[in-house]
Amino acid sequence: VAEECTDNGILLFNPGSLSAYSAF
């Protein structure tokens, strides 16, 4: 699951997936 957020000043970044089985 792609997401970006900041927690206590730390950037947390997930690019999601390039799997053929992902929602997108």
mmCIF file of all heavy atoms, coordinates in Angstrom:
data_MODEL
# 
_entry.id   MODEL 
# 
loop_
_atom_site.group_PDB 
_atom_site.id 
_atom_site.type_symbol 
_atom_site.label_atom_id 
_atom_site.label_alt_id 
_atom_site.label_comp_id 
_atom_site.label_asym_id 
_atom_site.label_entity_id 
_atom_site.label_seq_id 
_atom_site.pdbx_PDB_ins_code 
_atom_site.Cartn_x 
_atom_site.Cartn_y 
_atom_site.Cartn_z 
_atom_site.occupancy 
_atom_site.B_iso_or_equiv 
_atom_site.pdbx_formal_charge 
_atom_site.auth_seq_id 
_atom_site.auth_comp_id 
_atom_site.auth_asym_id 
_atom_site.auth_atom_id 
_atom_site.pdbx_PDB_model_num 
ATOM 1   N N   . VAL A 1 1  ? 0.854  -1.193  0.000   1.00 0.00 ? 1  VAL A N   1 
ATOM 2   C CA  . VAL A 1 1  ? 0.000  0.000   0.000   1.00 0.00 ? 1  VAL A CA  1 
ATOM 3   C C   . VAL A 1 1  ? 0.885  1.236   0.000   1.00 0.00 ? 1  VAL A C   1 
ATOM 4   O O   . VAL A 1 1  ? 1.694  1.442   0.910   1.00 0.00 ? 1  VAL A O   1 
ATOM 5   C CB  . VAL A 1 1  ? -0.920 0.032   1.244   1.00 0.00 ? 1  VAL A CB  1 
ATOM 6   C CG1 . VAL A 1 1  ? -1.749 1.302   1.273   1.00 0.00 ? 1  VAL A CG1 1 
ATOM 7   C CG2 . VAL A 1 1  ? -1.815 -1.204  1.270   1.00 0.00 ? 1  VAL A CG2 1 
ATOM 8   N N   . ALA A 1 2  ? 0.737  2.049   -1.031  1.00 0.00 ? 2  ALA A N   1 
ATOM 9   C CA  . ALA A 1 2  ? 1.523  3.283   -1.134  1.00 0.00 ? 2  ALA A CA  1 
ATOM 10  C C   . ALA A 1 2  ? 1.027  4.301   -0.116  1.00 0.00 ? 2  ALA A C   1 
ATOM 11  O O   . ALA A 1 2  ? -0.185 4.511   0.019   1.00 0.00 ? 2  ALA A O   1 
ATOM 12  C CB  . ALA A 1 2  ? 1.399  3.847   -2.543  1.00 0.00 ? 2  ALA A CB  1 
ATOM 13  N N   . GLU A 1 3  ? 1.972  4.898   0.599   1.00 0.00 ? 3  GLU A N   1 
ATOM 14  C CA  . GLU A 1 3  ? 1.592  5.958   1.535   1.00 0.00 ? 3  GLU A CA  1 
ATOM 15  C C   . GLU A 1 3  ? 2.802  6.790   1.922   1.00 0.00 ? 3  GLU A C   1 
ATOM 16  O O   . GLU A 1 3  ? 3.942  6.345   1.829   1.00 0.00 ? 3  GLU A O   1 
ATOM 17  C CB  . GLU A 1 3  ? 0.904  5.404   2.778   1.00 0.00 ? 3  GLU A CB  1 
ATOM 18  C CG  . GLU A 1 3  ? 1.787  4.640   3.730   1.00 0.00 ? 3  GLU A CG  1 
ATOM 19  C CD  . GLU A 1 3  ? 1.049  4.207   4.987   1.00 0.00 ? 3  GLU A CD  1 
ATOM 20  O OE1 . GLU A 1 3  ? 0.284  4.999   5.544   1.00 0.00 ? 3  GLU A OE1 1 
ATOM 21  O OE2 . GLU A 1 3  ? 1.252  3.059   5.397   1.00 0.00 ? 3  GLU A OE2 1 
ATOM 22  N N   . GLU A 1 4  ? 2.518  7.985   2.350   1.00 0.00 ? 4  GLU A N   1 
ATOM 23  C CA  . GLU A 1 4  ? 3.539  8.906   2.842   1.00 0.00 ? 4  GLU A CA  1 
ATOM 24  C C   . GLU A 1 4  ? 2.954  9.630   4.037   1.00 0.00 ? 4  GLU A C   1 
ATOM 25  O O   . GLU A 1 4  ? 1.833  10.132  3.983   1.00 0.00 ? 4  GLU A O   1 
ATOM 26  C CB  . GLU A 1 4  ? 3.911  9.914   1.753   1.00 0.00 ? 4  GLU A CB  1 
ATOM 27  C CG  . GLU A 1 4  ? 4.873  10.973  2.211   1.00 0.00 ? 4  GLU A CG  1 
ATOM 28  C CD  . GLU A 1 4  ? 5.110  12.053  1.162   1.00 0.00 ? 4  GLU A CD  1 
ATOM 29  O OE1 . GLU A 1 4  ? 4.641  11.920  0.019   1.00 0.00 ? 4  GLU A OE1 1 
ATOM 30  O OE2 . GLU A 1 4  ? 5.759  13.049  1.512   1.00 0.00 ? 4  GLU A OE2 1 
ATOM 31  N N   . CYS A 1 5  ? 3.721  9.665   5.120   1.00 0.00 ? 5  CYS A N   1 
ATOM 32  C CA  . CYS A 1 5  ? 3.280  10.422  6.285   1.00 0.00 ? 5  CYS A CA  1 
ATOM 33  C C   . CYS A 1 5  ? 4.520  10.867  7.056   1.00 0.00 ? 5  CYS A C   1 
ATOM 34  O O   . CYS A 1 5  ? 5.627  10.414  6.796   1.00 0.00 ? 5  CYS A O   1 
ATOM 35  C CB  . CYS A 1 5  ? 2.347  9.599   7.176   1.00 0.00 ? 5  CYS A CB  1 
ATOM 36  S SG  . CYS A 1 5  ? 3.115  8.169   7.948   1.00 0.00 ? 5  CYS A SG  1 
ATOM 37  N N   . THR A 1 6  ? 4.312  11.760  7.985   1.00 0.00 ? 6  THR A N   1 
ATOM 38  C CA  . THR A 1 6  ? 5.385  12.208  8.862   1.00 0.00 ? 6  THR A CA  1 
ATOM 39  C C   . THR A 1 6  ? 4.958  11.930  10.290  1.00 0.00 ? 6  THR A C   1 
ATOM 40  O O   . THR A 1 6  ? 3.830  12.237  10.675  1.00 0.00 ? 6  THR A O   1 
ATOM 41  C CB  . THR A 1 6  ? 5.667  13.714  8.673   1.00 0.00 ? 6  THR A CB  1 
ATOM 42  O OG1 . THR A 1 6  ? 6.019  13.929  7.304   1.00 0.00 ? 6  THR A OG1 1 
ATOM 43  C CG2 . THR A 1 6  ? 6.812  14.178  9.548   1.00 0.00 ? 6  THR A CG2 1 
ATOM 44  N N   . ASP A 1 7  ? 5.854  11.315  11.064  1.00 0.00 ? 7  ASP A N   1 
ATOM 45  C CA  . ASP A 1 7  ? 5.580  10.983  12.458  1.00 0.00 ? 7  ASP A CA  1 
ATOM 46  C C   . ASP A 1 7  ? 6.746  11.475  13.296  1.00 0.00 ? 7  ASP A C   1 
ATOM 47  O O   . ASP A 1 7  ? 7.887  11.044  13.102  1.00 0.00 ? 7  ASP A O   1 
ATOM 48  C CB  . ASP A 1 7  ? 5.405  9.467   12.608  1.00 0.00 ? 7  ASP A CB  1 
ATOM 49  C CG  . ASP A 1 7  ? 5.046  9.036   14.021  1.00 0.00 ? 7  ASP A CG  1 
ATOM 50  O OD1 . ASP A 1 7  ? 4.780  9.909   14.876  1.00 0.00 ? 7  ASP A OD1 1 
ATOM 51  O OD2 . ASP A 1 7  ? 5.033  7.822   14.272  1.00 0.00 ? 7  ASP A OD2 1 
ATOM 52  N N   . ASN A 1 8  ? 6.462  12.411  14.186  1.00 0.00 ? 8  ASN A N   1 
ATOM 53  C CA  . ASN A 1 8  ? 7.482  12.967  15.075  1.00 0.00 ? 8  ASN A CA  1 
ATOM 54  C C   . ASN A 1 8  ? 8.686  13.493  14.290  1.00 0.00 ? 8  ASN A C   1 
ATOM 55  O O   . ASN A 1 8  ? 9.831  13.306  14.686  1.00 0.00 ? 8  ASN A O   1 
ATOM 56  C CB  . ASN A 1 8  ? 7.915  11.928  16.112  1.00 0.00 ? 8  ASN A CB  1 
ATOM 57  C CG  . ASN A 1 8  ? 8.521  12.566  17.348  1.00 0.00 ? 8  ASN A CG  1 
ATOM 58  O OD1 . ASN A 1 8  ? 8.096  13.634  17.775  1.00 0.00 ? 8  ASN A OD1 1 
ATOM 59  N ND2 . ASN A 1 8  ? 9.519  11.917  17.911  1.00 0.00 ? 8  ASN A ND2 1 
ATOM 60  N N   . GLY A 1 9  ? 8.411  14.098  13.138  1.00 0.00 ? 9  GLY A N   1 
ATOM 61  C CA  . GLY A 1 9  ? 9.465  14.684  12.314  1.00 0.00 ? 9  GLY A CA  1 
ATOM 62  C C   . GLY A 1 9  ? 10.167 13.711  11.382  1.00 0.00 ? 9  GLY A C   1 
ATOM 63  O O   . GLY A 1 9  ? 11.051 14.115  10.619  1.00 0.00 ? 9  GLY A O   1 
ATOM 64  N N   . ILE A 1 10 ? 9.799  12.439  11.402  1.00 0.00 ? 10 ILE A N   1 
ATOM 65  C CA  . ILE A 1 10 ? 10.406 11.436  10.531  1.00 0.00 ? 10 ILE A CA  1 
ATOM 66  C C   . ILE A 1 10 ? 9.463  11.159  9.362   1.00 0.00 ? 10 ILE A C   1 
ATOM 67  O O   . ILE A 1 10 ? 8.292  10.820  9.568   1.00 0.00 ? 10 ILE A O   1 
ATOM 68  C CB  . ILE A 1 10 ? 10.684 10.112  11.291  1.00 0.00 ? 10 ILE A CB  1 
ATOM 69  C CG1 . ILE A 1 10 ? 11.537 10.348  12.539  1.00 0.00 ? 10 ILE A CG1 1 
ATOM 70  C CG2 . ILE A 1 10 ? 11.312 9.073   10.356  1.00 0.00 ? 10 ILE A CG2 1 
ATOM 71  C CD1 . ILE A 1 10 ? 12.946 10.800  12.278  1.00 0.00 ? 10 ILE A CD1 1 
ATOM 72  N N   . LEU A 1 11 ? 9.967  11.314  8.146   1.00 0.00 ? 11 LEU A N   1 
ATOM 73  C CA  . LEU A 1 11 ? 9.189  11.000  6.955   1.00 0.00 ? 11 LEU A CA  1 
ATOM 74  C C   . LEU A 1 11 ? 9.151  9.492   6.775   1.00 0.00 ? 11 LEU A C   1 
ATOM 75  O O   . LEU A 1 11 ? 10.194 8.833   6.774   1.00 0.00 ? 11 LEU A O   1 
ATOM 76  C CB  . LEU A 1 11 ? 9.836  11.649  5.731   1.00 0.00 ? 11 LEU A CB  1 
ATOM 77  C CG  . LEU A 1 11 ? 9.239  11.270  4.383   1.00 0.00 ? 11 LEU A CG  1 
ATOM 78  C CD1 . LEU A 1 11 ? 7.831  11.829  4.225   1.00 0.00 ? 11 LEU A CD1 1 
ATOM 79  C CD2 . LEU A 1 11 ? 10.131 11.737  3.259   1.00 0.00 ? 11 LEU A CD2 1 
ATOM 80  N N   . LEU A 1 12 ? 7.967  8.922   6.635   1.00 0.00 ? 12 LEU A N   1 
ATOM 81  C CA  . LEU A 1 12 ? 7.780  7.492   6.403   1.00 0.00 ? 12 LEU A CA  1 
ATOM 82  C C   . LEU A 1 12 ? 7.160  7.343   5.009   1.00 0.00 ? 12 LEU A C   1 
ATOM 83  O O   . LEU A 1 12 ? 6.073  7.873   4.757   1.00 0.00 ? 12 LEU A O   1 
ATOM 84  C CB  . LEU A 1 12 ? 6.875  6.894   7.480   1.00 0.00 ? 12 LEU A CB  1 
ATOM 85  C CG  . LEU A 1 12 ? 7.362  7.119   8.920   1.00 0.00 ? 12 LEU A CG  1 
ATOM 86  C CD1 . LEU A 1 12 ? 6.309  6.669   9.918   1.00 0.00 ? 12 LEU A CD1 1 
ATOM 87  C CD2 . LEU A 1 12 ? 8.692  6.416   9.165   1.00 0.00 ? 12 LEU A CD2 1 
ATOM 88  N N   . PHE A 1 13 ? 7.868  6.630   4.136   1.00 0.00 ? 13 PHE A N   1 
ATOM 89  C CA  . PHE A 1 13 ? 7.464  6.586   2.726   1.00 0.00 ? 13 PHE A CA  1 
ATOM 90  C C   . PHE A 1 13 ? 7.437  5.154   2.216   1.00 0.00 ? 13 PHE A C   1 
ATOM 91  O O   . PHE A 1 13 ? 8.425  4.434   2.292   1.00 0.00 ? 13 PHE A O   1 
ATOM 92  C CB  . PHE A 1 13 ? 8.438  7.414   1.889   1.00 0.00 ? 13 PHE A CB  1 
ATOM 93  C CG  . PHE A 1 13 ? 8.091  7.489   0.425   1.00 0.00 ? 13 PHE A CG  1 
ATOM 94  C CD1 . PHE A 1 13 ? 6.945  8.128   -0.002  1.00 0.00 ? 13 PHE A CD1 1 
ATOM 95  C CD2 . PHE A 1 13 ? 8.932  6.931   -0.526  1.00 0.00 ? 13 PHE A CD2 1 
ATOM 96  C CE1 . PHE A 1 13 ? 6.618  8.197   -1.354  1.00 0.00 ? 13 PHE A CE1 1 
ATOM 97  C CE2 . PHE A 1 13 ? 8.624  6.997   -1.877  1.00 0.00 ? 13 PHE A CE2 1 
ATOM 98  C CZ  . PHE A 1 13 ? 7.468  7.632   -2.295  1.00 0.00 ? 13 PHE A CZ  1 
ATOM 99  N N   . ASN A 1 14 ? 6.281  4.745   1.703   1.00 0.00 ? 14 ASN A N   1 
ATOM 100 C CA  . ASN A 1 14 ? 6.095  3.430   1.109   1.00 0.00 ? 14 ASN A CA  1 
ATOM 101 C C   . ASN A 1 14 ? 5.658  3.654   -0.341  1.00 0.00 ? 14 ASN A C   1 
ATOM 102 O O   . ASN A 1 14 ? 4.613  4.245   -0.592  1.00 0.00 ? 14 ASN A O   1 
ATOM 103 C CB  . ASN A 1 14 ? 5.023  2.647   1.863   1.00 0.00 ? 14 ASN A CB  1 
ATOM 104 C CG  . ASN A 1 14 ? 4.850  1.228   1.373   1.00 0.00 ? 14 ASN A CG  1 
ATOM 105 O OD1 . ASN A 1 14 ? 5.068  0.929   0.217   1.00 0.00 ? 14 ASN A OD1 1 
ATOM 106 N ND2 . ASN A 1 14 ? 4.434  0.354   2.271   1.00 0.00 ? 14 ASN A ND2 1 
ATOM 107 N N   . PRO A 1 15 ? 6.459  3.167   -1.312  1.00 0.00 ? 15 PRO A N   1 
ATOM 108 C CA  . PRO A 1 15 ? 6.112  3.395   -2.720  1.00 0.00 ? 15 PRO A CA  1 
ATOM 109 C C   . PRO A 1 15 ? 4.999  2.503   -3.238  1.00 0.00 ? 15 PRO A C   1 
ATOM 110 O O   . PRO A 1 15 ? 4.583  2.632   -4.391  1.00 0.00 ? 15 PRO A O   1 
ATOM 111 C CB  . PRO A 1 15 ? 7.425  3.079   -3.439  1.00 0.00 ? 15 PRO A CB  1 
ATOM 112 C CG  . PRO A 1 15 ? 8.043  2.014   -2.591  1.00 0.00 ? 15 PRO A CG  1 
ATOM 113 C CD  . PRO A 1 15 ? 7.706  2.423   -1.166  1.00 0.00 ? 15 PRO A CD  1 
ATOM 114 N N   . GLY A 1 16 ? 4.515  1.571   -2.409  1.00 0.00 ? 16 GLY A N   1 
ATOM 115 C CA  . GLY A 1 16 ? 3.511  0.618   -2.866  1.00 0.00 ? 16 GLY A CA  1 
ATOM 116 C C   . GLY A 1 16 ? 4.195  -0.577  -3.503  1.00 0.00 ? 16 GLY A C   1 
ATOM 117 O O   . GLY A 1 16 ? 5.316  -0.927  -3.154  1.00 0.00 ? 16 GLY A O   1 
ATOM 118 N N   . SER A 1 17 ? 3.534  -1.182  -4.460  1.00 0.00 ? 17 SER A N   1 
ATOM 119 C CA  . SER A 1 17 ? 4.017  -2.433  -5.041  1.00 0.00 ? 17 SER A CA  1 
ATOM 120 C C   . SER A 1 17 ? 3.937  -2.401  -6.563  1.00 0.00 ? 17 SER A C   1 
ATOM 121 O O   . SER A 1 17 ? 3.020  -1.804  -7.120  1.00 0.00 ? 17 SER A O   1 
ATOM 122 C CB  . SER A 1 17 ? 3.156  -3.590  -4.523  1.00 0.00 ? 17 SER A CB  1 
ATOM 123 O OG  . SER A 1 17 ? 3.432  -4.776  -5.204  1.00 0.00 ? 17 SER A OG  1 
ATOM 124 N N   . LEU A 1 18 ? 4.888  -3.062  -7.189  1.00 0.00 ? 18 LEU A N   1 
ATOM 125 C CA  . LEU A 1 18 ? 4.815  -3.282  -8.634  1.00 0.00 ? 18 LEU A CA  1 
ATOM 126 C C   . LEU A 1 18 ? 4.401  -4.717  -8.945  1.00 0.00 ? 18 LEU A C   1 
ATOM 127 O O   . LEU A 1 18 ? 4.564  -5.192  -10.057 1.00 0.00 ? 18 LEU A O   1 
ATOM 128 C CB  . LEU A 1 18 ? 6.158  -2.964  -9.304  1.00 0.00 ? 18 LEU A CB  1 
ATOM 129 C CG  . LEU A 1 18 ? 6.456  -1.484  -9.507  1.00 0.00 ? 18 LEU A CG  1 
ATOM 130 C CD1 . LEU A 1 18 ? 7.845  -1.291  -10.111 1.00 0.00 ? 18 LEU A CD1 1 
ATOM 131 C CD2 . LEU A 1 18 ? 5.417  -0.811  -10.384 1.00 0.00 ? 18 LEU A CD2 1 
ATOM 132 N N   . SER A 1 19 ? 3.862  -5.401  -7.963  1.00 0.00 ? 19 SER A N   1 
ATOM 133 C CA  . SER A 1 19 ? 3.389  -6.768  -8.167  1.00 0.00 ? 19 SER A CA  1 
ATOM 134 C C   . SER A 1 19 ? 2.164  -6.760  -9.077  1.00 0.00 ? 19 SER A C   1 
ATOM 135 O O   . SER A 1 19 ? 1.322  -5.864  -9.011  1.00 0.00 ? 19 SER A O   1 
ATOM 136 C CB  . SER A 1 19 ? 3.014  -7.398  -6.820  1.00 0.00 ? 19 SER A CB  1 
ATOM 137 O OG  . SER A 1 19 ? 2.269  -8.568  -7.009  1.00 0.00 ? 19 SER A OG  1 
ATOM 138 N N   . ALA A 1 20 ? 2.066  -7.775  -9.909  1.00 0.00 ? 20 ALA A N   1 
ATOM 139 C CA  . ALA A 1 20 ? 0.906  -7.906  -10.802 1.00 0.00 ? 20 ALA A CA  1 
ATOM 140 C C   . ALA A 1 20 ? -0.381 -8.129  -10.015 1.00 0.00 ? 20 ALA A C   1 
ATOM 141 O O   . ALA A 1 20 ? -1.471 -7.980  -10.555 1.00 0.00 ? 20 ALA A O   1 
ATOM 142 C CB  . ALA A 1 20 ? 1.135  -9.055  -11.779 1.00 0.00 ? 20 ALA A CB  1 
ATOM 143 N N   . TYR A 1 21 ? -0.262 -8.485  -8.737  1.00 0.00 ? 21 TYR A N   1 
ATOM 144 C CA  . TYR A 1 21 ? -1.436 -8.811  -7.922  1.00 0.00 ? 21 TYR A CA  1 
ATOM 145 C C   . TYR A 1 21 ? -1.885 -7.675  -7.016  1.00 0.00 ? 21 TYR A C   1 
ATOM 146 O O   . TYR A 1 21 ? -2.766 -7.853  -6.197  1.00 0.00 ? 21 TYR A O   1 
ATOM 147 C CB  . TYR A 1 21 ? -1.152 -10.065 -7.092  1.00 0.00 ? 21 TYR A CB  1 
ATOM 148 C CG  . TYR A 1 21 ? -0.670 -11.202 -7.954  1.00 0.00 ? 21 TYR A CG  1 
ATOM 149 C CD1 . TYR A 1 21 ? 0.659  -11.595 -7.943  1.00 0.00 ? 21 TYR A CD1 1 
ATOM 150 C CD2 . TYR A 1 21 ? -1.544 -11.846 -8.818  1.00 0.00 ? 21 TYR A CD2 1 
ATOM 151 C CE1 . TYR A 1 21 ? 1.106  -12.626 -8.764  1.00 0.00 ? 21 TYR A CE1 1 
ATOM 152 C CE2 . TYR A 1 21 ? -1.109 -12.880 -9.644  1.00 0.00 ? 21 TYR A CE2 1 
ATOM 153 C CZ  . TYR A 1 21 ? 0.222  -13.257 -9.609  1.00 0.00 ? 21 TYR A CZ  1 
ATOM 154 O OH  . TYR A 1 21 ? 0.656  -14.260 -10.424 1.00 0.00 ? 21 TYR A OH  1 
ATOM 155 N N   . SER A 1 22 ? -1.298 -6.508  -7.160  1.00 0.00 ? 22 SER A N   1 
ATOM 156 C CA  . SER A 1 22 ? -1.676 -5.364  -6.326  1.00 0.00 ? 22 SER A CA  1 
ATOM 157 C C   . SER A 1 22 ? -2.930 -4.693  -6.870  1.00 0.00 ? 22 SER A C   1 
ATOM 158 O O   . SER A 1 22 ? -3.218 -4.778  -8.070  1.00 0.00 ? 22 SER A O   1 
ATOM 159 C CB  . SER A 1 22 ? -0.534 -4.344  -6.291  1.00 0.00 ? 22 SER A CB  1 
ATOM 160 O OG  . SER A 1 22 ? 0.581  -4.907  -5.655  1.00 0.00 ? 22 SER A OG  1 
ATOM 161 N N   . ALA A 1 23 ? -3.652 -4.016  -5.996  1.00 0.00 ? 23 ALA A N   1 
ATOM 162 C CA  . ALA A 1 23 ? -4.848 -3.281  -6.416  1.00 0.00 ? 23 ALA A CA  1 
ATOM 163 C C   . ALA A 1 23 ? -4.483 -2.280  -7.514  1.00 0.00 ? 23 ALA A C   1 
ATOM 164 O O   . ALA A 1 23 ? -5.205 -2.115  -8.491  1.00 0.00 ? 23 ALA A O   1 
ATOM 165 C CB  . ALA A 1 23 ? -5.475 -2.569  -5.228  1.00 0.00 ? 23 ALA A CB  1 
ATOM 166 N N   . PHE A 1 24 ? -3.362 -1.584  -7.323  1.00 0.00 ? 24 PHE A N   1 
ATOM 167 C CA  . PHE A 1 24 ? -2.758 -0.783  -8.392  1.00 0.00 ? 24 PHE A CA  1 
ATOM 168 C C   . PHE A 1 24 ? -1.252 -0.805  -8.190  1.00 0.00 ? 24 PHE A C   1 
ATOM 169 O O   . PHE A 1 24 ? -0.771 -0.892  -7.071  1.00 0.00 ? 24 PHE A O   1 
ATOM 170 C CB  . PHE A 1 24 ? -3.318 0.645   -8.453  1.00 0.00 ? 24 PHE A CB  1 
ATOM 171 C CG  . PHE A 1 24 ? -2.978 1.512   -7.278  1.00 0.00 ? 24 PHE A CG  1 
ATOM 172 C CD1 . PHE A 1 24 ? -1.805 2.247   -7.253  1.00 0.00 ? 24 PHE A CD1 1 
ATOM 173 C CD2 . PHE A 1 24 ? -3.845 1.609   -6.197  1.00 0.00 ? 24 PHE A CD2 1 
ATOM 174 C CE1 . PHE A 1 24 ? -1.492 3.052   -6.166  1.00 0.00 ? 24 PHE A CE1 1 
ATOM 175 C CE2 . PHE A 1 24 ? -3.537 2.412   -5.104  1.00 0.00 ? 24 PHE A CE2 1 
ATOM 176 C CZ  . PHE A 1 24 ? -2.362 3.143   -5.092  1.00 0.00 ? 24 PHE A CZ  1 
# 
